[in-house]
C-alpha atoms as a PDB file:
ATOM      1  CA  UNK A   1      54.171 -16.514  19.073  1.00  0.00           C
ATOM      2  CA  UNK A   2      50.958 -17.633  17.556  1.00  0.00           C
ATOM      3  CA  UNK A   3      50.596 -20.207  14.856  1.00  0.00           C
ATOM      4  CA  UNK A   4      50.217 -17.218  11.972  1.00  0.00           C
ATOM      5  CA  UNK A   5      53.346 -15.775  13.069  1.00  0.00           C
ATOM      6  CA  UNK A   6      51.670 -12.559  14.855  1.00  0.00           C
ATOM      7  CA  UNK A   7      51.399 -12.203  18.386  1.00  0.00           C
ATOM      8  CA  UNK A   8      48.297 -10.305  19.977  1.00  0.00           C
ATOM      9  CA  UNK A   9      50.314  -7.105  20.235  1.00  0.00           C
ATOM     10  CA  UNK A  10      51.059  -7.200  16.733  1.00  0.00           C
ATOM     11  CA  UNK A  11      47.917  -7.541  15.596  1.00  0.00           C
ATOM     12  CA  UNK A  12      46.713  -4.686  17.776  1.00  0.00           C
ATOM     13  CA  UNK A  13      49.618  -2.631  16.304  1.00  0.00           C
ATOM     14  CA  UNK A  14      48.360  -3.385  12.774  1.00  0.00           C
ATOM     15  CA  UNK A  15      44.784  -2.944  13.379  1.00  0.00           C
ATOM     16  CA  UNK A  16      45.222   0.164  15.128  1.00  0.00           C
ATOM     17  CA  UNK A  17      41.856   1.058  17.106  1.00  0.00           C
ATOM     18  CA  UNK A  18      39.539  -1.200  15.485  1.00  0.00           C
ATOM     19  CA  UNK A  19      40.796  -3.790  17.510  1.00  0.00           C
ATOM     20  CA  UNK A  20      38.659  -4.144  20.874  1.00  0.00           C
ATOM     21  CA  UNK A  21      40.329  -3.827  24.165  1.00  0.00           C
ATOM     22  CA  UNK A  22      39.423  -6.924  26.396  1.00  0.00           C
ATOM     23  CA  UNK A  23      40.313  -6.900  30.053  1.00  0.00           C
ATOM     24  CA  UNK A  24      42.880  -9.876  30.391  1.00  0.00           C
ATOM     25  CA  UNK A  25      40.792 -11.590  33.054  1.00  0.00           C
ATOM     26  CA  UNK A  26      37.407 -11.400  31.564  1.00  0.00           C
ATOM     27  CA  UNK A  27      35.154 -14.087  31.981  1.00  0.00           C
ATOM     28  CA  UNK A  28      33.363 -15.803  29.124  1.00  0.00           C
ATOM     29  CA  UNK A  29      29.702 -16.870  29.130  1.00  0.00           C
ATOM     30  CA  UNK A  30      30.947 -20.791  29.488  1.00  0.00           C
ATOM     31  CA  UNK A  31      32.960 -19.788  32.405  1.00  0.00           C
ATOM     32  CA  UNK A  32      30.276 -17.588  34.041  1.00  0.00           C
ATOM     33  CA  UNK A  33      27.645 -20.546  33.639  1.00  0.00           C
ATOM     34  CA  UNK A  34      30.476 -23.345  35.186  1.00  0.00           C
ATOM     35  CA  UNK A  35      30.787 -21.043  38.283  1.00  0.00           C
ATOM     36  CA  UNK A  36      27.210 -20.197  38.815  1.00  0.00           C
ATOM     37  CA  UNK A  37      26.411 -23.644  38.858  1.00  0.00           C
ATOM     38  CA  UNK A  38      29.118 -24.519  41.060  1.00  0.00           C
ATOM     39  CA  UNK A  39      28.575 -21.605  43.501  1.00  0.00           C
ATOM     40  CA  UNK A  40      24.733 -23.008  43.393  1.00  0.00           C
ATOM     41  CA  UNK A  41      26.086 -26.902  44.037  1.00  0.00           C
ATOM     42  CA  UNK A  42      28.435 -25.118  46.934  1.00  0.00           C
ATOM     43  CA  UNK A  43      25.297 -23.412  48.489  1.00  0.00           C
ATOM     44  CA  UNK A  44      26.566 -20.381  48.324  1.00  0.00           C
ATOM     45  CA  UNK A  45      23.653 -18.985  46.145  1.00  0.00           C
ATOM     46  CA  UNK A  46      20.330 -20.536  45.773  1.00  0.00           C
ATOM     47  CA  UNK A  47      18.692 -22.365  42.962  1.00  0.00           C
ATOM     48  CA  UNK A  48      15.819 -20.497  41.275  1.00  0.00           C
ATOM     49  CA  UNK A  49      12.655 -21.128  42.503  1.00  0.00           C
ATOM     50  CA  UNK A  50       9.639 -22.019  40.062  1.00  0.00           C
ATOM     51  CA  UNK A  51       5.445 -21.919  41.318  1.00  0.00           C
ATOM     52  CA  UNK A  52       4.791 -25.560  41.451  1.00  0.00           C
ATOM     53  CA  UNK A  53       1.438 -25.146  39.860  1.00  0.00           C
ATOM     54  CA  UNK A  54       1.105 -23.473  36.469  1.00  0.00           C
ATOM     55  CA  UNK A  55      -1.132 -20.671  36.170  1.00  0.00           C
ATOM     56  CA  UNK A  56      -2.951 -19.149  33.465  1.00  0.00           C
ATOM     57  CA  UNK A  57      -5.892 -19.444  30.795  1.00  0.00           C
ATOM     58  CA  UNK A  58      -4.362 -22.690  29.597  1.00  0.00           C
ATOM     59  CA  UNK A  59      -4.230 -24.597  32.417  1.00  0.00           C
ATOM     60  CA  UNK A  60      -6.587 -26.031  34.694  1.00  0.00           C
ATOM     61  CA  UNK A  61      -7.085 -25.944  38.656  1.00  0.00           C
ATOM     62  CA  UNK A  62      -4.750 -28.638  39.055  1.00  0.00           C
ATOM     63  CA  UNK A  63      -1.839 -27.018  36.673  1.00  0.00           C
ATOM     64  CA  UNK A  64      -2.625 -29.313  34.016  1.00  0.00           C
ATOM     65  CA  UNK A  65      -2.447 -28.059  30.365  1.00  0.00           C
ATOM     66  CA  UNK A  66      -5.950 -27.683  28.726  1.00  0.00           C
ATOM     67  CA  UNK A  67      -5.216 -29.058  25.190  1.00  0.00           C
ATOM     68  CA  UNK A  68      -7.854 -26.756  22.366  1.00  0.00           C
ATOM     69  CA  UNK A  69     -10.757 -28.771  21.473  1.00  0.00           C
ATOM     70  CA  UNK A  70      -9.958 -31.195  18.727  1.00  0.00           C
ATOM     71  CA  UNK A  71      -6.681 -30.842  18.576  1.00  0.00           C
ATOM     72  CA  UNK A  72      -6.506 -34.641  18.532  1.00  0.00           C
ATOM     73  CA  UNK A  73      -3.996 -35.067  21.663  1.00  0.00           C
ATOM     74  CA  UNK A  74      -5.794 -36.373  24.853  1.00  0.00           C
ATOM     75  CA  UNK A  75      -3.922 -37.061  28.209  1.00  0.00           C
ATOM     76  CA  UNK A  76      -4.490 -39.869  30.482  1.00  0.00           C
ATOM     77  CA  UNK A  77      -5.382 -38.633  34.215  1.00  0.00           C
ATOM     78  CA  UNK A  78      -2.838 -41.287  36.469  1.00  0.00           C
ATOM     79  CA  UNK A  79      -5.596 -40.944  39.235  1.00  0.00           C
ATOM     80  CA  UNK A  80      -8.932 -42.551  37.382  1.00  0.00           C
ATOM     81  CA  UNK A  81      -7.028 -43.953  34.719  1.00  0.00           C
ATOM     82  CA  UNK A  82      -9.434 -42.542  32.033  1.00  0.00           C
ATOM     83  CA  UNK A  83      -9.041 -40.282  29.296  1.00  0.00           C
ATOM     84  CA  UNK A  84      -9.982 -36.838  29.349  1.00  0.00           C
END
């Protein structure tokens, strides 16, 4: 019995058709995420792949983000140690 004194069947009888019918073995969102993660770790399903380089108008030919002019942010190029 539920702590408030009603069982699930009693609540369904009281509410009638406004109580949704759920499959007793349905999978919640958290259970689905855990299952998919475990299947990926076990090798049953592959991990998603993403392109290595970012593409689009806001990225240069090396895949680095191009900041708008006068945005106040500059990134340091690791190879040449100069600020671009």
